[in-house]
């Protein structure tokens, strides 16, 4: 994880799929878990999805509130 990744979770939008246009940090946990099972995409998007899953799974989404 890079220091700026938390900020990216509340600024970068999902570029495709069922939740296209939604902020990465706002994606539902079930959708993120699906990516974990099927494989995260390469690059920054995959890293952000994995980080969002970790925050959701550990009940830490509140860490994003001050960044919004």
C-alpha atoms as a PDB file:
ATOM      1  CA  UNK A   1       0.000   0.000   0.000  1.00  0.00           C
ATOM      2  CA  UNK A   2       1.157   3.499  -0.813  1.00  0.00           C
ATOM      3  CA  UNK A   3       0.333   6.456   1.410  1.00  0.00           C
ATOM      4  CA  UNK A   4      -1.892   7.992  -1.264  1.00  0.00           C
ATOM      5  CA  UNK A   5      -3.965   4.834  -1.756  1.00  0.00           C
ATOM      6  CA  UNK A   6      -6.456   5.761   0.977  1.00  0.00           C
ATOM      7  CA  UNK A   7      -7.108   9.093  -0.758  1.00  0.00           C
ATOM      8  CA  UNK A   8      -7.487   7.294  -4.085  1.00  0.00           C
ATOM      9  CA  UNK A   9     -10.230   5.108  -2.605  1.00  0.00           C
ATOM     10  CA  UNK A  10     -12.428   8.197  -2.273  1.00  0.00           C
ATOM     11  CA  UNK A  11     -11.476   9.801  -5.609  1.00  0.00           C
ATOM     12  CA  UNK A  12     -11.072   6.957  -8.136  1.00  0.00           C
ATOM     13  CA  UNK A  13     -14.236   5.495  -9.650  1.00  0.00           C
ATOM     14  CA  UNK A  14     -14.805   1.934 -10.798  1.00  0.00           C
ATOM     15  CA  UNK A  15     -14.167   2.069 -14.564  1.00  0.00           C
ATOM     16  CA  UNK A  16     -16.373  -0.871 -15.615  1.00  0.00           C
ATOM     17  CA  UNK A  17     -18.817  -3.540 -14.514  1.00  0.00           C
ATOM     18  CA  UNK A  18     -21.931  -3.603 -12.406  1.00  0.00           C
ATOM     19  CA  UNK A  19     -20.763  -0.707 -10.224  1.00  0.00           C
ATOM     20  CA  UNK A  20     -19.207   1.431 -12.955  1.00  0.00           C
ATOM     21  CA  UNK A  21     -18.864   5.034 -11.802  1.00  0.00           C
ATOM     22  CA  UNK A  22     -19.014   4.261  -8.072  1.00  0.00           C
ATOM     23  CA  UNK A  23     -16.083   5.262  -5.888  1.00  0.00           C
ATOM     24  CA  UNK A  24     -13.781   2.327  -5.130  1.00  0.00           C
ATOM     25  CA  UNK A  25     -14.152   2.990  -1.395  1.00  0.00           C
ATOM     26  CA  UNK A  26     -17.947   2.694  -1.696  1.00  0.00           C
ATOM     27  CA  UNK A  27     -18.088  -0.673  -3.462  1.00  0.00           C
ATOM     28  CA  UNK A  28     -20.049  -3.372  -1.583  1.00  0.00           C
ATOM     29  CA  UNK A  29     -18.074  -5.977   0.319  1.00  0.00           C
ATOM     30  CA  UNK A  30     -19.681  -8.846  -1.592  1.00  0.00           C
ATOM     31  CA  UNK A  31     -18.488  -7.379  -4.899  1.00  0.00           C
ATOM     32  CA  UNK A  32     -14.969  -6.945  -3.521  1.00  0.00           C
ATOM     33  CA  UNK A  33     -15.021 -10.520  -2.203  1.00  0.00           C
ATOM     34  CA  UNK A  34     -16.008 -11.717  -5.672  1.00  0.00           C
ATOM     35  CA  UNK A  35     -12.909 -10.030  -7.081  1.00  0.00           C
ATOM     36  CA  UNK A  36     -10.803 -11.688  -4.392  1.00  0.00           C
ATOM     37  CA  UNK A  37     -12.118 -15.098  -5.458  1.00  0.00           C
ATOM     38  CA  UNK A  38     -11.870 -14.481  -9.205  1.00  0.00           C
ATOM     39  CA  UNK A  39      -8.661 -12.452  -9.166  1.00  0.00           C
ATOM     40  CA  UNK A  40      -8.079  -8.741  -8.858  1.00  0.00           C
ATOM     41  CA  UNK A  41      -7.203  -6.882 -12.050  1.00  0.00           C
ATOM     42  CA  UNK A  42      -3.548  -5.925 -12.462  1.00  0.00           C
ATOM     43  CA  UNK A  43      -2.093  -2.565 -11.545  1.00  0.00           C
ATOM     44  CA  UNK A  44      -3.454   0.257  -9.459  1.00  0.00           C
ATOM     45  CA  UNK A  45      -7.101  -0.776  -9.812  1.00  0.00           C
ATOM     46  CA  UNK A  46      -6.448  -4.240  -8.395  1.00  0.00           C
ATOM     47  CA  UNK A  47      -4.398  -2.802  -5.544  1.00  0.00           C
ATOM     48  CA  UNK A  48      -7.200  -0.367  -4.661  1.00  0.00           C
ATOM     49  CA  UNK A  49      -9.866  -3.070  -4.808  1.00  0.00           C
ATOM     50  CA  UNK A  50      -7.803  -5.290  -2.508  1.00  0.00           C
ATOM     51  CA  UNK A  51      -7.278  -2.417  -0.066  1.00  0.00           C
ATOM     52  CA  UNK A  52     -10.988  -1.595  -0.085  1.00  0.00           C
ATOM     53  CA  UNK A  53     -11.748  -5.255   0.657  1.00  0.00           C
ATOM     54  CA  UNK A  54      -9.349  -5.221   3.623  1.00  0.00           C
ATOM     55  CA  UNK A  55     -10.965  -2.085   5.043  1.00  0.00           C
ATOM     56  CA  UNK A  56     -14.460  -3.516   4.585  1.00  0.00           C
ATOM     57  CA  UNK A  57     -13.570  -6.934   6.008  1.00  0.00           C
ATOM     58  CA  UNK A  58     -11.947  -5.429   9.102  1.00  0.00           C
ATOM     59  CA  UNK A  59     -14.665  -2.828   9.715  1.00  0.00           C
ATOM     60  CA  UNK A  60     -12.328   0.086   8.975  1.00  0.00           C
ATOM     61  CA  UNK A  61     -14.279   1.960   6.292  1.00  0.00           C
ATOM     62  CA  UNK A  62     -14.656   4.816   8.778  1.00  0.00           C
ATOM     63  CA  UNK A  63     -11.004   5.669   8.114  1.00  0.00           C
ATOM     64  CA  UNK A  64     -12.115   7.056   4.761  1.00  0.00           C
ATOM     65  CA  UNK A  65     -14.630   9.534   6.193  1.00  0.00           C
ATOM     66  CA  UNK A  66     -12.131  12.333   6.960  1.00  0.00           C
ATOM     67  CA  UNK A  67     -10.727  12.006   3.435  1.00  0.00           C
ATOM     68  CA  UNK A  68     -14.044  12.599   1.703  1.00  0.00           C
END
